[in-house]
């Protein structure tokens, strides 16, 4: 086999392989996936006013729950199940699995205040399933 034919064959095979991986890794349907005990990616950076969508890409049930005490000043609490507080989210999950996302379920939150937002999965927190959203930019002033 001559060198050019070999390179053409290898190059085509490589592009097909990479194209398949790219479509799996970045579907555009969500920003953060969930494995058995991790958020993927564990940290994401967005701008003020942008939304983040989490999708359960695992067969296990998961939650997305903000660490309330660590939220930036003036930031809204967020949790799958639309709870008003971390304690309500923990209680709801421990009682009736409220807020749990099944496979392919999504949760979306819009971030209006710059800062760092640590969050976790209630049933897998002890296994280290924690993540961070970093929100950059300036908070927009509301006109009165």
C-alpha atoms as a PDB file:
ATOM      1  CA  UNK A   1       0.000   0.000   0.000  1.00  0.00           C
ATOM      2  CA  UNK A   2       1.401   3.390  -0.893  1.00  0.00           C
ATOM      3  CA  UNK A   3       1.706   6.151   1.674  1.00  0.00           C
ATOM      4  CA  UNK A   4      -1.047   8.409   0.261  1.00  0.00           C
ATOM      5  CA  UNK A   5      -3.645   5.631   0.135  1.00  0.00           C
ATOM      6  CA  UNK A   6      -2.738   4.649   3.708  1.00  0.00           C
ATOM      7  CA  UNK A   7      -3.075   8.249   4.969  1.00  0.00           C
ATOM      8  CA  UNK A   8      -6.432   8.677   3.176  1.00  0.00           C
ATOM      9  CA  UNK A   9      -7.776   5.493   4.761  1.00  0.00           C
ATOM     10  CA  UNK A  10      -6.525   6.353   8.234  1.00  0.00           C
ATOM     11  CA  UNK A  11      -7.711   9.953   7.946  1.00  0.00           C
ATOM     12  CA  UNK A  12     -11.227   8.954   6.867  1.00  0.00           C
ATOM     13  CA  UNK A  13     -11.515   6.366   9.625  1.00  0.00           C
ATOM     14  CA  UNK A  14     -10.288   8.903  12.171  1.00  0.00           C
ATOM     15  CA  UNK A  15     -12.815  11.536  11.088  1.00  0.00           C
ATOM     16  CA  UNK A  16     -15.686   9.066  11.248  1.00  0.00           C
ATOM     17  CA  UNK A  17     -14.637   8.032  14.756  1.00  0.00           C
ATOM     18  CA  UNK A  18     -14.268  11.618  15.961  1.00  0.00           C
ATOM     19  CA  UNK A  19     -17.565  12.689  14.401  1.00  0.00           C
ATOM     20  CA  UNK A  20     -19.394   9.966  16.305  1.00  0.00           C
ATOM     21  CA  UNK A  21     -17.781  10.991  19.582  1.00  0.00           C
ATOM     22  CA  UNK A  22     -18.524  14.655  19.064  1.00  0.00           C
ATOM     23  CA  UNK A  23     -22.230  14.055  18.579  1.00  0.00           C
ATOM     24  CA  UNK A  24     -22.434  12.019  21.782  1.00  0.00           C
ATOM     25  CA  UNK A  25     -20.382  14.431  23.888  1.00  0.00           C
ATOM     26  CA  UNK A  26     -22.169  17.618  22.903  1.00  0.00           C
ATOM     27  CA  UNK A  27     -25.818  17.200  22.053  1.00  0.00           C
ATOM     28  CA  UNK A  28     -26.834  20.795  22.705  1.00  0.00           C
ATOM     29  CA  UNK A  29     -29.837  19.514  24.685  1.00  0.00           C
ATOM     30  CA  UNK A  30     -28.210  20.019  28.076  1.00  0.00           C
ATOM     31  CA  UNK A  31     -25.171  21.594  29.739  1.00  0.00           C
ATOM     32  CA  UNK A  32     -24.451  19.174  32.592  1.00  0.00           C
ATOM     33  CA  UNK A  33     -24.990  15.422  32.507  1.00  0.00           C
ATOM     34  CA  UNK A  34     -25.191  13.015  35.439  1.00  0.00           C
ATOM     35  CA  UNK A  35     -23.273   9.767  35.751  1.00  0.00           C
ATOM     36  CA  UNK A  36     -23.759   7.212  38.538  1.00  0.00           C
ATOM     37  CA  UNK A  37     -22.127   9.483  41.141  1.00  0.00           C
ATOM     38  CA  UNK A  38     -20.880  12.615  39.348  1.00  0.00           C
ATOM     39  CA  UNK A  39     -21.976  15.687  37.459  1.00  0.00           C
ATOM     40  CA  UNK A  40     -20.334  15.926  34.019  1.00  0.00           C
ATOM     41  CA  UNK A  41     -18.728  18.416  33.830  1.00  0.00           C
ATOM     42  CA  UNK A  42     -18.322  19.047  37.563  1.00  0.00           C
ATOM     43  CA  UNK A  43     -17.872  22.796  36.943  1.00  0.00           C
ATOM     44  CA  UNK A  44     -19.432  25.025  34.311  1.00  0.00           C
ATOM     45  CA  UNK A  45     -19.022  28.742  33.668  1.00  0.00           C
ATOM     46  CA  UNK A  46     -21.869  30.879  32.292  1.00  0.00           C
ATOM     47  CA  UNK A  47     -22.710  34.563  32.036  1.00  0.00           C
ATOM     48  CA  UNK A  48     -25.285  36.453  34.092  1.00  0.00           C
ATOM     49  CA  UNK A  49     -28.745  35.823  32.647  1.00  0.00           C
ATOM     50  CA  UNK A  50     -27.870  32.457  31.118  1.00  0.00           C
ATOM     51  CA  UNK A  51     -29.602  29.199  31.978  1.00  0.00           C
ATOM     52  CA  UNK A  52     -28.018  25.854  32.795  1.00  0.00           C
ATOM     53  CA  UNK A  53     -29.833  22.627  31.984  1.00  0.00           C
ATOM     54  CA  UNK A  54     -28.959  19.442  33.822  1.00  0.00           C
ATOM     55  CA  UNK A  55     -29.984  16.104  32.290  1.00  0.00           C
ATOM     56  CA  UNK A  56     -29.981  12.766  34.050  1.00  0.00           C
ATOM     57  CA  UNK A  57     -27.857  10.671  31.705  1.00  0.00           C
ATOM     58  CA  UNK A  58     -27.684   7.861  34.262  1.00  0.00           C
ATOM     59  CA  UNK A  59     -30.042   5.037  35.158  1.00  0.00           C
ATOM     60  CA  UNK A  60     -30.020   6.197  38.817  1.00  0.00           C
ATOM     61  CA  UNK A  61     -32.303   8.884  40.225  1.00  0.00           C
ATOM     62  CA  UNK A  62     -30.562  12.204  40.965  1.00  0.00           C
ATOM     63  CA  UNK A  63     -31.316  15.689  42.243  1.00  0.00           C
ATOM     64  CA  UNK A  64     -29.833  19.108  41.611  1.00  0.00           C
ATOM     65  CA  UNK A  65     -29.803  21.008  44.905  1.00  0.00           C
ATOM     66  CA  UNK A  66     -27.996  24.248  45.761  1.00  0.00           C
ATOM     67  CA  UNK A  67     -25.997  24.530  48.959  1.00  0.00           C
ATOM     68  CA  UNK A  68     -28.164  27.332  50.318  1.00  0.00           C
ATOM     69  CA  UNK A  69     -25.601  28.789  52.742  1.00  0.00           C
ATOM     70  CA  UNK A  70     -23.009  29.108  49.940  1.00  0.00           C
ATOM     71  CA  UNK A  71     -25.113  31.031  47.430  1.00  0.00           C
ATOM     72  CA  UNK A  72     -23.959  34.533  46.452  1.00  0.00           C
ATOM     73  CA  UNK A  73     -25.772  37.351  48.238  1.00  0.00           C
ATOM     74  CA  UNK A  74     -29.110  38.045  46.579  1.00  0.00           C
ATOM     75  CA  UNK A  75     -29.077  34.839  44.529  1.00  0.00           C
ATOM     76  CA  UNK A  76     -32.177  32.675  44.257  1.00  0.00           C
ATOM     77  CA  UNK A  77     -32.111  29.167  45.718  1.00  0.00           C
ATOM     78  CA  UNK A  78     -32.512  26.398  43.139  1.00  0.00           C
ATOM     79  CA  UNK A  79     -33.374  22.711  43.312  1.00  0.00           C
ATOM     80  CA  UNK A  80     -35.007  20.128  41.114  1.00  0.00           C
ATOM     81  CA  UNK A  81     -38.551  19.860  42.429  1.00  0.00           C
ATOM     82  CA  UNK A  82     -38.689  23.673  42.763  1.00  0.00           C
ATOM     83  CA  UNK A  83     -38.177  23.725  46.519  1.00  0.00           C
ATOM     84  CA  UNK A  84     -37.751  27.021  48.384  1.00  0.00           C
ATOM     85  CA  UNK A  85     -34.872  25.867  50.585  1.00  0.00           C
ATOM     86  CA  UNK A  86     -32.205  23.207  50.985  1.00  0.00           C
ATOM     87  CA  UNK A  87     -33.950  21.758  54.046  1.00  0.00           C
ATOM     88  CA  UNK A  88     -37.271  21.498  52.143  1.00  0.00           C
ATOM     89  CA  UNK A  89     -35.475  19.725  49.271  1.00  0.00           C
ATOM     90  CA  UNK A  90     -33.798  17.280  51.659  1.00  0.00           C
ATOM     91  CA  UNK A  91     -37.090  16.624  53.484  1.00  0.00           C
ATOM     92  CA  UNK A  92     -39.033  16.178  50.235  1.00  0.00           C
ATOM     93  CA  UNK A  93     -36.505  13.734  48.867  1.00  0.00           C
ATOM     94  CA  UNK A  94     -36.239  11.688  52.060  1.00  0.00           C
ATOM     95  CA  UNK A  95     -40.030  11.503  52.364  1.00  0.00           C
ATOM     96  CA  UNK A  96     -41.258  10.743  48.844  1.00  0.00           C
ATOM     97  CA  UNK A  97     -38.209  11.071  46.544  1.00  0.00           C
ATOM     98  CA  UNK A  98     -39.523  14.504  45.534  1.00  0.00           C
ATOM     99  CA  UNK A  99     -37.204  16.410  43.224  1.00  0.00           C
ATOM    100  CA  UNK A 100     -35.670  13.219  41.874  1.00  0.00           C
ATOM    101  CA  UNK A 101     -34.838  13.246  38.176  1.00  0.00           C
ATOM    102  CA  UNK A 102     -35.208   9.900  36.378  1.00  0.00           C
ATOM    103  CA  UNK A 103     -33.209   8.944  33.287  1.00  0.00           C
ATOM    104  CA  UNK A 104     -33.508  11.632  30.572  1.00  0.00           C
ATOM    105  CA  UNK A 105     -35.336  14.096  32.882  1.00  0.00           C
ATOM    106  CA  UNK A 106     -34.014  17.662  32.897  1.00  0.00           C
ATOM    107  CA  UNK A 107     -33.904  20.617  35.266  1.00  0.00           C
ATOM    108  CA  UNK A 108     -33.102  24.180  34.184  1.00  0.00           C
ATOM    109  CA  UNK A 109     -32.191  27.232  36.239  1.00  0.00           C
ATOM    110  CA  UNK A 110     -31.382  30.787  35.098  1.00  0.00           C
ATOM    111  CA  UNK A 111     -28.589  32.567  36.982  1.00  0.00           C
ATOM    112  CA  UNK A 112     -29.156  36.290  37.535  1.00  0.00           C
ATOM    113  CA  UNK A 113     -26.435  37.075  40.107  1.00  0.00           C
ATOM    114  CA  UNK A 114     -22.687  36.684  39.468  1.00  0.00           C
ATOM    115  CA  UNK A 115     -20.726  34.387  41.757  1.00  0.00           C
ATOM    116  CA  UNK A 116     -20.030  30.757  42.554  1.00  0.00           C
ATOM    117  CA  UNK A 117     -22.897  28.330  43.067  1.00  0.00           C
ATOM    118  CA  UNK A 118     -22.015  24.987  44.653  1.00  0.00           C
ATOM    119  CA  UNK A 119     -24.675  22.278  44.345  1.00  0.00           C
ATOM    120  CA  UNK A 120     -25.104  18.555  45.000  1.00  0.00           C
ATOM    121  CA  UNK A 121     -27.204  15.444  44.458  1.00  0.00           C
ATOM    122  CA  UNK A 122     -29.066  14.533  47.650  1.00  0.00           C
ATOM    123  CA  UNK A 123     -28.829  10.716  47.394  1.00  0.00           C
ATOM    124  CA  UNK A 124     -25.209  10.767  46.185  1.00  0.00           C
ATOM    125  CA  UNK A 125     -23.759  13.693  48.144  1.00  0.00           C
ATOM    126  CA  UNK A 126     -21.749  11.375  50.426  1.00  0.00           C
ATOM    127  CA  UNK A 127     -20.281   9.699  47.313  1.00  0.00           C
ATOM    128  CA  UNK A 128     -18.976  13.097  46.202  1.00  0.00           C
ATOM    129  CA  UNK A 129     -21.628  14.051  43.662  1.00  0.00           C
ATOM    130  CA  UNK A 130     -21.151  17.801  43.853  1.00  0.00           C
ATOM    131  CA  UNK A 131     -20.763  20.466  41.210  1.00  0.00           C
ATOM    132  CA  UNK A 132     -20.235  24.170  40.731  1.00  0.00           C
ATOM    133  CA  UNK A 133     -21.710  26.806  38.453  1.00  0.00           C
ATOM    134  CA  UNK A 134     -19.552  29.914  38.079  1.00  0.00           C
ATOM    135  CA  UNK A 135     -21.536  32.926  36.874  1.00  0.00           C
ATOM    136  CA  UNK A 136     -19.507  35.738  35.341  1.00  0.00           C
ATOM    137  CA  UNK A 137     -20.523  39.265  34.432  1.00  0.00           C
ATOM    138  CA  UNK A 138     -22.367  42.061  36.075  1.00  0.00           C
ATOM    139  CA  UNK A 139     -25.838  41.881  37.504  1.00  0.00           C
ATOM    140  CA  UNK A 140     -28.293  43.834  35.380  1.00  0.00           C
ATOM    141  CA  UNK A 141     -29.984  46.719  37.184  1.00  0.00           C
ATOM    142  CA  UNK A 142     -33.761  46.573  37.000  1.00  0.00           C
ATOM    143  CA  UNK A 143     -35.418  49.746  35.808  1.00  0.00           C
ATOM    144  CA  UNK A 144     -37.933  51.189  38.218  1.00  0.00           C
END
